[in-house]
Amino acid sequence: MIDADLREQVAGTARRLAAEGLLIGTAGNVSARAGDRIAVTGTGVVLGECTADTVTEVSPDGELLAGRLRPTSELDLHLGIYRDTAAGAVVHTHAPASTAVACLAGLTALPVLHYQQLLLGGEIPIAPFAPFGTPELAAHVRAALAGKQAALLANHGAVALGDTLEQALDNALLLEWAAALYARTTAMGTPRALTPAEQTAVVEQAIRLRYGTIQENPHD
């Protein structure tokens, strides 16, 4: 059985997402995988008040293993992502900027306006609309996530992955920042997306400088 610590980590991530404004009420869900067991928020839970007691455990095929609540209605989405990827955690939000971008007619992906978005895999696809909790939605999102750490759901919200709950949360926050940047830019004029060559140059520079890593002063 998954220990109480992981259940509390799932609950804590849900509370943090709510505190950051990425979740409202019961709209959203969080999960984490440990071996062949998955801890996932229960259905109907107010995420800002989530506790370990309202996190449920299921098997990779959805069998209820432990917990007093039924799992979230988006369980198929979470289980499908775990089958497709090596992700250790998944968060699904209705974050305001991300959801707003996902509601734009004619937009099929969030373009790369800033190099930080490359951490999510570059441009972020917008999965076609399907009702929540359906196999169709799960299939659309899984396809959109190929090679990505996040995806948008048309007229619905966003999904972010990570090796850990902390990384999945960070990716959800980064996606929301990128979506807000896009919204502000389009309000001011026509956005200029980074070209593929510019994106490649950024990646090469990041590798060269070991960007984003703590580096000790060699002369200290």
Protein backbone atom coordinates (compact mmCIF):
# COMPACT_ATOMS: atom_id res chain seq x y z
CA MET A 1 0.00 0.00 0.00
CA ILE A 2 1.21 3.54 -0.76
CA ASP A 3 2.28 5.18 2.47
CA ALA A 4 0.47 8.15 3.92
CA ASP A 5 3.34 10.43 2.92
CA LEU A 6 2.59 10.13 -0.81
CA ARG A 7 -1.12 10.68 -0.22
CA GLU A 8 -0.27 13.80 1.73
CA GLN A 9 2.09 14.94 -1.05
CA VAL A 10 -0.74 14.58 -3.58
CA ALA A 11 -3.07 16.48 -1.25
CA GLY A 12 -0.44 19.13 -0.61
CA THR A 13 0.09 19.63 -4.34
CA ALA A 14 -3.66 20.09 -4.82
CA ARG A 15 -3.73 22.69 -2.04
CA ARG A 16 -0.72 24.50 -3.54
CA LEU A 17 -2.32 24.60 -7.00
CA ALA A 18 -5.45 26.07 -5.44
CA ALA A 19 -3.40 28.63 -3.51
CA GLU A 20 -1.67 29.64 -6.76
CA GLY A 21 -5.07 30.20 -8.39
CA LEU A 22 -4.75 27.30 -10.82
CA LEU A 23 -7.64 25.39 -9.27
CA ILE A 24 -11.05 26.54 -8.07
CA GLY A 25 -13.41 24.40 -6.01
CA THR A 26 -13.57 20.82 -7.25
CA ALA A 27 -12.33 21.65 -10.75
CA GLY A 28 -9.04 19.79 -11.27
CA ASN A 29 -7.21 16.68 -10.13
CA VAL A 30 -3.76 15.48 -9.09
CA SER A 31 -2.08 12.08 -9.10
CA ALA A 32 1.29 10.44 -8.42
CA ARG A 33 2.62 6.98 -9.22
CA ALA A 34 4.63 4.70 -6.96
CA GLY A 35 5.33 1.31 -8.49
CA ASP A 36 2.08 -0.34 -9.52
CA ARG A 37 -0.12 1.90 -7.37
CA ILE A 38 -1.41 5.36 -8.17
CA ALA A 39 -2.54 7.93 -5.62
CA VAL A 40 -5.18 10.27 -7.07
CA THR A 41 -7.51 12.91 -5.70
CA GLY A 42 -11.03 11.69 -5.00
CA THR A 43 -14.12 12.82 -6.85
CA GLY A 44 -15.95 15.90 -5.58
CA VAL A 45 -13.07 17.05 -3.38
CA VAL A 46 -12.56 20.78 -2.89
CA LEU A 47 -8.91 20.83 -3.92
CA GLY A 48 -7.94 23.74 -1.70
CA GLU A 49 -9.02 21.66 1.30
CA CYS A 50 -7.68 18.31 0.08
CA THR A 51 -6.23 15.97 2.71
CA ALA A 52 -4.57 12.56 2.61
CA ASP A 53 -7.94 11.10 3.62
CA THR A 54 -9.52 12.33 0.38
CA VAL A 55 -6.81 10.82 -1.84
CA THR A 56 -7.58 7.40 -3.30
CA GLU A 57 -5.33 4.56 -4.45
CA VAL A 58 -5.92 2.66 -7.70
CA SER A 59 -4.09 0.11 -9.82
CA PRO A 60 -2.79 0.92 -13.32
CA ASP A 61 -5.99 -0.55 -14.79
CA GLY A 62 -8.23 1.53 -12.51
CA GLU A 63 -9.08 -1.00 -9.84
CA LEU A 64 -9.89 0.73 -6.54
CA LEU A 65 -7.30 -0.43 -4.00
CA ALA A 66 -7.77 1.88 -1.02
CA GLY A 67 -9.51 5.04 0.08
CA ARG A 68 -13.00 6.05 1.12
CA LEU A 69 -13.75 8.06 -2.04
CA ARG A 70 -14.15 7.13 -5.69
CA PRO A 71 -11.31 8.51 -7.83
CA THR A 72 -11.66 11.64 -9.98
CA SER A 73 -13.83 11.47 -13.09
CA GLU A 74 -10.66 12.11 -15.13
CA LEU A 75 -9.08 8.85 -13.95
CA ASP A 76 -8.84 7.48 -17.51
CA LEU A 77 -6.78 10.52 -18.48
CA HIS A 78 -4.31 9.97 -15.66
CA LEU A 79 -4.03 6.22 -16.23
CA GLY A 80 -3.52 6.68 -19.96
CA ILE A 81 -0.72 9.17 -19.40
CA TYR A 82 1.02 6.74 -17.05
CA ARG A 83 0.74 3.99 -19.67
CA ASP A 84 2.19 6.26 -22.36
CA THR A 85 4.95 7.94 -20.40
CA ALA A 86 7.40 7.51 -17.55
CA ALA A 87 5.80 10.42 -15.67
CA GLY A 88 5.70 10.12 -11.91
CA ALA A 89 2.98 12.73 -11.44
CA VAL A 90 0.14 14.42 -13.35
CA VAL A 91 -1.78 17.60 -12.57
CA HIS A 92 -4.91 18.77 -14.38
CA THR A 93 -5.98 22.38 -13.82
CA HIS A 94 -8.46 24.96 -15.01
CA ALA A 95 -5.85 27.71 -14.70
CA PRO A 96 -7.27 31.05 -15.96
CA ALA A 97 -4.70 32.06 -18.60
CA SER A 98 -4.13 28.51 -19.82
CA THR A 99 -7.87 27.92 -20.13
CA ALA A 100 -8.37 31.27 -21.87
CA VAL A 101 -5.78 30.40 -24.51
CA ALA A 102 -7.41 27.00 -24.95
CA CYS A 103 -10.69 28.77 -25.76
CA LEU A 104 -9.32 30.78 -28.71
CA ALA A 105 -10.92 29.89 -32.04
CA GLY A 106 -8.48 28.77 -34.72
CA LEU A 107 -5.50 28.34 -32.38
CA THR A 108 -4.09 24.81 -32.41
CA ALA A 109 -1.04 25.36 -30.18
CA LEU A 110 0.51 27.88 -27.82
CA PRO A 111 3.53 29.20 -29.75
CA VAL A 112 6.98 29.67 -28.20
CA LEU A 113 7.32 33.36 -27.39
CA HIS A 114 9.93 32.86 -24.67
CA TYR A 115 12.68 30.27 -24.38
CA GLN A 116 11.53 29.16 -20.90
CA GLN A 117 8.65 27.39 -22.66
CA LEU A 118 11.18 25.02 -24.22
CA LEU A 119 11.32 23.28 -20.83
CA LEU A 120 7.80 22.07 -21.60
CA GLY A 121 8.79 20.74 -25.02
CA GLY A 122 8.30 23.84 -27.18
CA GLU A 123 4.93 24.83 -28.56
CA ILE A 124 2.06 23.39 -26.54
CA PRO A 125 -0.67 21.63 -28.53
CA ILE A 126 -4.33 22.27 -27.81
CA ALA A 127 -6.14 18.93 -27.68
CA PRO A 128 -9.53 18.93 -29.49
CA PHE A 129 -12.61 19.31 -27.34
CA ALA A 130 -14.42 16.35 -25.85
CA PRO A 131 -16.60 16.19 -22.71
CA PHE A 132 -14.74 15.77 -19.44
CA GLY A 133 -14.22 12.27 -18.12
CA THR A 134 -14.62 10.60 -21.53
CA PRO A 135 -12.29 8.17 -23.32
CA GLU A 136 -12.31 10.62 -26.25
CA LEU A 137 -10.86 13.41 -24.13
CA ALA A 138 -8.24 11.10 -22.65
CA ALA A 139 -7.19 9.99 -26.15
CA HIS A 140 -6.98 13.59 -27.45
CA VAL A 141 -4.83 14.71 -24.53
CA ARG A 142 -2.52 11.71 -24.67
CA ALA A 143 -1.89 12.40 -28.37
CA ALA A 144 -1.20 16.08 -27.65
CA LEU A 145 1.30 15.17 -24.94
CA ALA A 146 3.62 13.22 -27.27
CA GLY A 147 7.08 14.63 -26.58
CA LYS A 148 5.69 17.33 -24.27
CA GLN A 149 5.50 18.03 -20.57
CA ALA A 150 2.16 19.83 -20.87
CA ALA A 151 -0.88 20.21 -23.08
CA LEU A 152 -3.92 22.46 -23.30
CA LEU A 153 -7.47 21.10 -23.51
CA ALA A 154 -9.78 23.04 -25.84
CA ASN A 155 -12.43 24.98 -23.90
CA HIS A 156 -11.44 23.13 -20.73
CA GLY A 157 -8.02 23.56 -19.11
CA ALA A 158 -4.51 22.16 -18.98
CA VAL A 159 -2.47 19.10 -18.04
CA ALA A 160 1.16 19.03 -16.89
CA LEU A 161 3.47 16.11 -16.15
CA GLY A 162 6.65 15.60 -14.17
CA ASP A 163 8.97 13.02 -12.71
CA THR A 164 7.74 14.22 -9.32
CA LEU A 165 4.75 16.13 -7.97
CA GLU A 166 6.97 19.18 -7.47
CA GLN A 167 8.08 19.08 -11.11
CA ALA A 168 4.53 18.60 -12.39
CA LEU A 169 3.42 21.58 -10.30
CA ASP A 170 6.33 23.68 -11.60
CA ASN A 171 5.40 22.75 -15.17
CA ALA A 172 1.78 23.74 -14.58
CA LEU A 173 2.95 27.10 -13.22
CA LEU A 174 5.31 27.60 -16.17
CA LEU A 175 2.52 26.81 -18.64
CA GLU A 176 0.25 29.32 -16.92
CA TRP A 177 3.02 31.96 -17.12
CA ALA A 178 3.54 31.26 -20.84
CA ALA A 179 -0.20 31.45 -21.49
CA ALA A 180 -0.46 34.75 -19.62
CA LEU A 181 2.50 36.09 -21.62
CA TYR A 182 0.74 35.12 -24.85
CA ALA A 183 -2.49 36.78 -23.71
CA ARG A 184 -0.69 40.02 -22.84
CA THR A 185 1.28 40.02 -26.09
CA THR A 186 -1.76 39.49 -28.27
CA ALA A 187 -3.54 42.33 -26.44
CA MET A 188 -0.64 44.62 -27.39
CA GLY A 189 -0.20 43.49 -30.99
CA THR A 190 0.99 40.54 -33.06
CA PRO A 191 3.23 38.11 -31.17
CA ARG A 192 6.62 37.20 -32.60
CA ALA A 193 7.27 33.51 -31.98
CA LEU A 194 10.80 32.18 -31.78
CA THR A 195 11.84 30.44 -35.00
CA PRO A 196 12.98 26.80 -34.93
CA ALA A 197 16.57 28.01 -35.49
CA GLU A 198 16.30 30.42 -32.57
CA GLN A 199 14.91 27.70 -30.36
CA THR A 200 17.77 25.38 -31.30
CA ALA A 201 20.30 28.12 -30.55
CA VAL A 202 18.78 28.60 -27.09
CA VAL A 203 18.94 24.86 -26.36
CA GLU A 204 22.59 24.73 -27.42
CA GLN A 205 23.44 27.74 -25.25
CA ALA A 206 21.60 26.23 -22.27
CA ILE A 207 23.60 23.02 -22.62
CA ARG A 208 26.86 24.93 -22.95
CA LEU A 209 26.19 27.03 -19.85
CA ARG A 210 24.44 24.25 -17.89
CA TYR A 211 21.56 26.71 -17.60
CA GLY A 212 19.28 26.27 -14.61
CA THR A 213 21.76 24.30 -12.51
CA ILE A 214 23.48 25.44 -9.33
CA GLN A 215 27.18 25.85 -10.04
CA GLU A 216 29.78 26.39 -7.35
CA ASN A 217 32.33 29.18 -7.69
CA PRO A 218 35.57 27.32 -8.62
CA HIS A 219 37.67 30.08 -7.06
CA ASP A 220 35.83 30.17 -3.74
